[in-house]
Amino acid sequence: MSTDDTAPDADAPETAEHENARQHVVAVDADDNEQETINRLDAHTGDGTRHRAFTSLVFDGEGNILLAQRAPDKRLWGTWWDGTVASHPVQGQSQEEATRQRLDEELGITPDQYDDLRVTDRFEYKRYFENAGVEHEVCAVLKLTLDDVSLDPDEAEVAGLMWVPYERLHDNPEWYRQLRLCPWFEIAMRRDFD
């Protein structure tokens, strides 16, 4: 009797080929204590697995926040507006290190353009996106103010950019409803003004 180990699994989801299946995130408890590393795609499917994440809010020194529209081919929340960069630190990487890396990779923002990067908040949330997946994250909020607002966005990550008066955005959500703001950004902003 012989077996064919190369036969495709008929039940394997098409998303197994997604690039996120080649990455890992840090699973955490409700207090953001590391538990283990898990496959990034697995963490965002089904009921999801709580994991560490961050969102960074970038300002211009005049009260404006830089909103970045997620690229359309993002698996979750493609074309939605984020404030400004959100991602996941890898194991052993601090939130600050991960933020610096993603700011450079996504927007071409380098550390010499700011000197006030800081963690200002942390919260847990869980949101489902259509039938595509879920975010269940303990999300750190980091803020920074650019001394130099030069940008060099990566179109594979960012579809659009917009400077918006931060306080007006918070106080008048109906004016910006058509933007479809990412849920983690809306939570971070709401908590920032409470």
C-alpha atoms as a PDB file:
ATOM      1  CA  MET A   1       0.000   0.000   0.000  1.00  0.00           C
ATOM      2  CA  SER A   2       1.344   3.450  -0.867  1.00  0.00           C
ATOM      3  CA  THR A   3       0.314   6.917   0.162  1.00  0.00           C
ATOM      4  CA  ASP A   4       0.658  10.174  -1.681  1.00  0.00           C
ATOM      5  CA  ASP A   5       1.825  12.870   0.749  1.00  0.00           C
ATOM      6  CA  THR A   6       1.876  15.466  -2.025  1.00  0.00           C
ATOM      7  CA  ALA A   7      -1.868  15.368  -2.715  1.00  0.00           C
ATOM      8  CA  PRO A   8      -3.561  18.697  -1.933  1.00  0.00           C
ATOM      9  CA  ASP A   9      -5.891  18.845   1.031  1.00  0.00           C
ATOM     10  CA  ALA A  10      -9.379  19.442  -0.356  1.00  0.00           C
ATOM     11  CA  ASP A  11     -10.359  21.187   2.879  1.00  0.00           C
ATOM     12  CA  ALA A  12      -7.383  23.582   2.959  1.00  0.00           C
ATOM     13  CA  PRO A  13      -8.528  27.191   2.680  1.00  0.00           C
ATOM     14  CA  GLU A  14      -7.328  29.243  -0.251  1.00  0.00           C
ATOM     15  CA  THR A  15      -5.985  31.774   2.249  1.00  0.00           C
ATOM     16  CA  ALA A  16      -3.212  29.305   3.200  1.00  0.00           C
ATOM     17  CA  GLU A  17      -1.264  30.807   0.270  1.00  0.00           C
ATOM     18  CA  HIS A  18      -1.643  34.329   1.645  1.00  0.00           C
ATOM     19  CA  GLU A  19       1.640  36.029   2.591  1.00  0.00           C
ATOM     20  CA  ASN A  20       0.421  36.384   6.200  1.00  0.00           C
ATOM     21  CA  ALA A  21       0.638  32.592   6.500  1.00  0.00           C
ATOM     22  CA  ARG A  22       4.441  32.981   6.369  1.00  0.00           C
ATOM     23  CA  GLN A  23       4.550  35.405   9.323  1.00  0.00           C
ATOM     24  CA  HIS A  24       4.038  35.082  13.074  1.00  0.00           C
ATOM     25  CA  VAL A  25       2.590  37.319  15.774  1.00  0.00           C
ATOM     26  CA  VAL A  26       2.915  37.241  19.558  1.00  0.00           C
ATOM     27  CA  ALA A  27      -0.087  35.771  21.369  1.00  0.00           C
ATOM     28  CA  VAL A  28      -0.706  37.552  24.677  1.00  0.00           C
ATOM     29  CA  ASP A  29      -3.017  37.456  27.679  1.00  0.00           C
ATOM     30  CA  ALA A  30      -5.342  40.355  28.567  1.00  0.00           C
ATOM     31  CA  ASP A  31      -2.453  42.111  30.361  1.00  0.00           C
ATOM     32  CA  ASP A  32      -0.209  41.908  27.273  1.00  0.00           C
ATOM     33  CA  ASN A  33       2.006  39.172  28.754  1.00  0.00           C
ATOM     34  CA  GLU A  34       3.554  37.034  26.025  1.00  0.00           C
ATOM     35  CA  GLN A  35       2.149  33.500  25.719  1.00  0.00           C
ATOM     36  CA  GLU A  36       3.630  32.106  22.493  1.00  0.00           C
ATOM     37  CA  THR A  37       4.124  32.961  18.839  1.00  0.00           C
ATOM     38  CA  ILE A  38       1.388  31.942  16.437  1.00  0.00           C
ATOM     39  CA  ASN A  39       0.841  32.023  12.715  1.00  0.00           C
ATOM     40  CA  ARG A  40      -0.396  35.476  11.705  1.00  0.00           C
ATOM     41  CA  LEU A  41      -3.085  34.130   9.372  1.00  0.00           C
ATOM     42  CA  ASP A  42      -4.377  31.751  12.044  1.00  0.00           C
ATOM     43  CA  ALA A  43      -4.532  34.622  14.544  1.00  0.00           C
ATOM     44  CA  HIS A  44      -6.864  36.518  12.202  1.00  0.00           C
ATOM     45  CA  THR A  45      -9.252  33.728  11.143  1.00  0.00           C
ATOM     46  CA  GLY A  46     -12.175  31.992  12.833  1.00  0.00           C
ATOM     47  CA  ASP A  47     -12.614  33.461  16.302  1.00  0.00           C
ATOM     48  CA  GLY A  48      -9.022  34.727  16.200  1.00  0.00           C
ATOM     49  CA  THR A  49      -6.336  34.598  18.865  1.00  0.00           C
ATOM     50  CA  ARG A  50      -5.531  37.559  21.111  1.00  0.00           C
ATOM     51  CA  HIS A  51      -2.188  38.981  20.018  1.00  0.00           C
ATOM     52  CA  ARG A  52       0.053  42.025  20.412  1.00  0.00           C
ATOM     53  CA  ALA A  53      -0.375  44.961  18.048  1.00  0.00           C
ATOM     54  CA  PHE A  54       0.171  48.695  17.825  1.00  0.00           C
ATOM     55  CA  THR A  55      -1.219  51.755  16.139  1.00  0.00           C
ATOM     56  CA  SER A  56       0.857  54.901  15.738  1.00  0.00           C
ATOM     57  CA  LEU A  57      -0.631  58.380  15.496  1.00  0.00           C
ATOM     58  CA  VAL A  58       1.551  60.813  13.566  1.00  0.00           C
ATOM     59  CA  PHE A  59       1.054  64.568  13.981  1.00  0.00           C
ATOM     60  CA  ASP A  60       2.433  67.635  12.211  1.00  0.00           C
ATOM     61  CA  GLY A  61       2.840  70.041  15.145  1.00  0.00           C
ATOM     62  CA  GLU A  62      -0.268  72.052  14.219  1.00  0.00           C
ATOM     63  CA  GLY A  63      -2.882  69.645  15.582  1.00  0.00           C
ATOM     64  CA  ASN A  64      -3.276  67.638  12.385  1.00  0.00           C
ATOM     65  CA  ILE A  65      -3.053  63.857  12.267  1.00  0.00           C
ATOM     66  CA  LEU A  66      -1.836  61.937   9.232  1.00  0.00           C
ATOM     67  CA  LEU A  67      -4.453  59.429   8.097  1.00  0.00           C
ATOM     68  CA  ALA A  68      -3.247  56.651   5.812  1.00  0.00           C
ATOM     69  CA  GLN A  69      -5.592  54.674   3.608  1.00  0.00           C
ATOM     70  CA  ARG A  70      -4.805  50.978   3.685  1.00  0.00           C
ATOM     71  CA  ALA A  71      -3.902  49.450   0.326  1.00  0.00           C
ATOM     72  CA  PRO A  72      -6.854  47.788  -1.430  1.00  0.00           C
ATOM     73  CA  ASP A  73      -5.299  44.319  -1.413  1.00  0.00           C
ATOM     74  CA  LYS A  74      -4.965  44.193   2.391  1.00  0.00           C
ATOM     75  CA  ARG A  75      -6.770  41.066   3.594  1.00  0.00           C
ATOM     76  CA  LEU A  76      -8.609  42.949   6.364  1.00  0.00           C
ATOM     77  CA  TRP A  77      -9.859  46.540   6.172  1.00  0.00           C
ATOM     78  CA  GLY A  78      -8.434  47.219   2.688  1.00  0.00           C
ATOM     79  CA  THR A  79      -9.108  50.855   1.580  1.00  0.00           C
ATOM     80  CA  TRP A  80     -10.170  51.860   5.120  1.00  0.00           C
ATOM     81  CA  TRP A  81      -8.422  54.847   6.718  1.00  0.00           C
ATOM     82  CA  ASP A  82      -6.003  54.313   9.576  1.00  0.00           C
ATOM     83  CA  GLY A  83      -4.242  56.742  11.803  1.00  0.00           C
ATOM     84  CA  THR A  84      -1.340  56.422  10.713  1.00  0.00           C
ATOM     85  CA  VAL A  85       0.434  53.037  10.808  1.00  0.00           C
ATOM     86  CA  ALA A  86      -0.719  49.831  12.489  1.00  0.00           C
ATOM     87  CA  SER A  87       0.959  46.441  12.665  1.00  0.00           C
ATOM     88  CA  HIS A  88       2.352  43.753  14.960  1.00  0.00           C
ATOM     89  CA  PRO A  89       5.755  43.620  16.657  1.00  0.00           C
ATOM     90  CA  VAL A  90       7.612  40.363  16.154  1.00  0.00           C
ATOM     91  CA  GLN A  91       8.872  38.336  19.102  1.00  0.00           C
ATOM     92  CA  GLY A  92      11.566  40.247  20.991  1.00  0.00           C
ATOM     93  CA  GLN A  93      10.744  43.574  19.324  1.00  0.00           C
ATOM     94  CA  SER A  94       9.482  46.536  21.361  1.00  0.00           C
ATOM     95  CA  GLN A  95       6.445  48.545  20.286  1.00  0.00           C
ATOM     96  CA  GLU A  96       8.749  51.514  19.645  1.00  0.00           C
ATOM     97  CA  GLU A  97      11.113  49.464  17.461  1.00  0.00           C
ATOM     98  CA  ALA A  98       8.195  48.019  15.496  1.00  0.00           C
ATOM     99  CA  THR A  99       6.702  51.478  14.999  1.00  0.00           C
ATOM    100  CA  ARG A 100       9.986  52.938  13.739  1.00  0.00           C
ATOM    101  CA  GLN A 101      10.319  50.036  11.296  1.00  0.00           C
ATOM    102  CA  ARG A 102       6.777  50.328   9.913  1.00  0.00           C
ATOM    103  CA  LEU A 103       6.931  54.131   9.631  1.00  0.00           C
ATOM    104  CA  ASP A 104      10.043  53.761   7.493  1.00  0.00           C
ATOM    105  CA  GLU A 105       8.726  50.833   5.423  1.00  0.00           C
ATOM    106  CA  GLU A 106       5.240  52.221   4.787  1.00  0.00           C
ATOM    107  CA  LEU A 107       5.790  55.995   4.653  1.00  0.00           C
ATOM    108  CA  GLY A 108       9.527  56.611   4.374  1.00  0.00           C
ATOM    109  CA  ILE A 109       9.487  58.383   7.762  1.00  0.00           C
ATOM    110  CA  THR A 110      12.891  58.032   9.430  1.00  0.00           C
ATOM    111  CA  PRO A 111      13.807  58.599  13.117  1.00  0.00           C
ATOM    112  CA  ASP A 112      15.597  61.862  12.277  1.00  0.00           C
ATOM    113  CA  GLN A 113      12.162  63.370  11.454  1.00  0.00           C
ATOM    114  CA  TYR A 114      10.885  63.032  15.061  1.00  0.00           C
ATOM    115  CA  ASP A 115      12.229  62.664  18.599  1.00  0.00           C
ATOM    116  CA  ASP A 116       9.129  62.213  20.764  1.00  0.00           C
ATOM    117  CA  LEU A 117       7.924  58.664  20.006  1.00  0.00           C
ATOM    118  CA  ARG A 118       6.070  57.387  23.072  1.00  0.00           C
ATOM    119  CA  VAL A 119       3.473  54.822  24.158  1.00  0.00           C
ATOM    120  CA  THR A 120       0.391  56.694  25.405  1.00  0.00           C
ATOM    121  CA  ASP A 121      -2.240  53.977  25.845  1.00  0.00           C
ATOM    122  CA  ARG A 122      -3.012  50.262  25.555  1.00  0.00           C
ATOM    123  CA  PHE A 123      -6.383  48.547  25.099  1.00  0.00           C
ATOM    124  CA  GLU A 124      -7.918  45.238  24.078  1.00  0.00           C
ATOM    125  CA  TYR A 125     -10.546  44.946  21.348  1.00  0.00           C
ATOM    126  CA  LYS A 126     -12.083  42.365  19.039  1.00  0.00           C
ATOM    127  CA  ARG A 127     -13.727  43.151  15.682  1.00  0.00           C
ATOM    128  CA  TYR A 128     -14.801  40.936  12.784  1.00  0.00           C
ATOM    129  CA  PHE A 129     -14.350  42.111   9.189  1.00  0.00           C
ATOM    130  CA  GLU A 130     -17.013  40.914   6.775  1.00  0.00           C
ATOM    131  CA  ASN A 131     -16.416  37.179   6.182  1.00  0.00           C
ATOM    132  CA  ALA A 132     -12.658  37.638   5.809  1.00  0.00           C
ATOM    133  CA  GLY A 133     -11.353  37.498   9.371  1.00  0.00           C
ATOM    134  CA  VAL A 134     -11.042  39.067  12.785  1.00  0.00           C
ATOM    135  CA  GLU A 135      -8.788  41.295  14.852  1.00  0.00           C
ATOM    136  CA  HIS A 136      -8.417  40.334  18.527  1.00  0.00           C
ATOM    137  CA  GLU A 137      -5.607  42.501  19.786  1.00  0.00           C
ATOM    138  CA  VAL A 138      -4.024  44.122  22.772  1.00  0.00           C
ATOM    139  CA  CYS A 139      -3.137  47.315  20.961  1.00  0.00           C
ATOM    140  CA  ALA A 140      -0.540  49.834  22.125  1.00  0.00           C
ATOM    141  CA  VAL A 141      -1.023  53.428  20.993  1.00  0.00           C
ATOM    142  CA  LEU A 142       2.117  55.369  20.112  1.00  0.00           C
ATOM    143  CA  LYS A 143       2.308  59.045  19.241  1.00  0.00           C
ATOM    144  CA  LEU A 144       4.917  61.204  17.577  1.00  0.00           C
ATOM    145  CA  THR A 145       5.183  64.646  16.006  1.00  0.00           C
ATOM    146  CA  LEU A 146       7.100  65.167  12.790  1.00  0.00           C
ATOM    147  CA  ASP A 147       9.629  67.985  12.607  1.00  0.00           C
ATOM    148  CA  ASP A 148       9.938  67.235   8.888  1.00  0.00           C
ATOM    149  CA  VAL A 149       6.705  66.100   7.168  1.00  0.00           C
ATOM    150  CA  SER A 150       8.437  64.665   4.063  1.00  0.00           C
ATOM    151  CA  LEU A 151       6.847  61.349   3.082  1.00  0.00           C
ATOM    152  CA  ASP A 152       7.675  58.580   0.620  1.00  0.00           C
ATOM    153  CA  PRO A 153       4.737  56.153   0.810  1.00  0.00           C
ATOM    154  CA  ASP A 154       4.929  52.543  -0.374  1.00  0.00           C
ATOM    155  CA  GLU A 155       1.897  52.015  -2.644  1.00  0.00           C
ATOM    156  CA  ALA A 156       1.795  48.321  -1.730  1.00  0.00           C
ATOM    157  CA  GLU A 157       0.934  49.432   1.828  1.00  0.00           C
ATOM    158  CA  VAL A 158      -0.683  52.865   1.510  1.00  0.00           C
ATOM    159  CA  ALA A 159      -3.347  53.876  -1.031  1.00  0.00           C
ATOM    160  CA  GLY A 160      -3.756  57.486   0.109  1.00  0.00           C
ATOM    161  CA  LEU A 161      -2.672  60.059   2.677  1.00  0.00           C
ATOM    162  CA  MET A 162      -4.528  62.955   4.283  1.00  0.00           C
ATOM    163  CA  TRP A 163      -3.719  65.456   7.018  1.00  0.00           C
ATOM    164  CA  VAL A 164      -6.842  66.026   9.151  1.00  0.00           C
ATOM    165  CA  PRO A 165      -7.460  68.299  12.164  1.00  0.00           C
ATOM    166  CA  TYR A 166      -7.396  65.695  14.957  1.00  0.00           C
ATOM    167  CA  GLU A 167      -9.788  67.431  17.347  1.00  0.00           C
ATOM    168  CA  ARG A 168     -12.298  68.194  14.583  1.00  0.00           C
ATOM    169  CA  LEU A 169     -12.178  64.551  13.458  1.00  0.00           C
ATOM    170  CA  HIS A 170     -12.973  63.424  16.997  1.00  0.00           C
ATOM    171  CA  ASP A 171     -15.701  66.024  17.602  1.00  0.00           C
ATOM    172  CA  ASN A 172     -17.469  65.604  14.236  1.00  0.00           C
ATOM    173  CA  PRO A 173     -17.409  61.930  13.255  1.00  0.00           C
ATOM    174  CA  GLU A 174     -20.375  62.383  10.908  1.00  0.00           C
ATOM    175  CA  TRP A 175     -18.249  64.659   8.688  1.00  0.00           C
ATOM    176  CA  TYR A 176     -15.743  61.861   8.173  1.00  0.00           C
ATOM    177  CA  ARG A 177     -18.037  58.828   8.104  1.00  0.00           C
ATOM    178  CA  GLN A 178     -17.454  58.259   4.381  1.00  0.00           C
ATOM    179  CA  LEU A 179     -13.767  57.613   5.133  1.00  0.00           C
ATOM    180  CA  ARG A 180     -14.523  54.313   6.917  1.00  0.00           C
ATOM    181  CA  LEU A 181     -12.047  54.598   9.784  1.00  0.00           C
ATOM    182  CA  CYS A 182     -10.351  51.417  11.053  1.00  0.00           C
ATOM    183  CA  PRO A 183     -11.883  50.267  14.349  1.00  0.00           C
ATOM    184  CA  TRP A 184      -8.622  50.265  16.315  1.00  0.00           C
ATOM    185  CA  PHE A 185      -7.977  53.874  15.297  1.00  0.00           C
ATOM    186  CA  GLU A 186     -11.491  54.963  16.295  1.00  0.00           C
ATOM    187  CA  ILE A 187     -11.065  53.293  19.700  1.00  0.00           C
ATOM    188  CA  ALA A 188      -7.632  54.889  20.205  1.00  0.00           C
ATOM    189  CA  MET A 189      -8.979  58.329  19.276  1.00  0.00           C
ATOM    190  CA  ARG A 190     -12.066  58.036  21.485  1.00  0.00           C
ATOM    191  CA  ARG A 191      -9.950  56.959  24.472  1.00  0.00           C
ATOM    192  CA  ASP A 192      -7.460  59.752  23.781  1.00  0.00           C
ATOM    193  CA  PHE A 193     -10.149  62.394  24.300  1.00  0.00           C
ATOM    194  CA  ASP A 194     -11.866  60.753  27.323  1.00  0.00           C
END
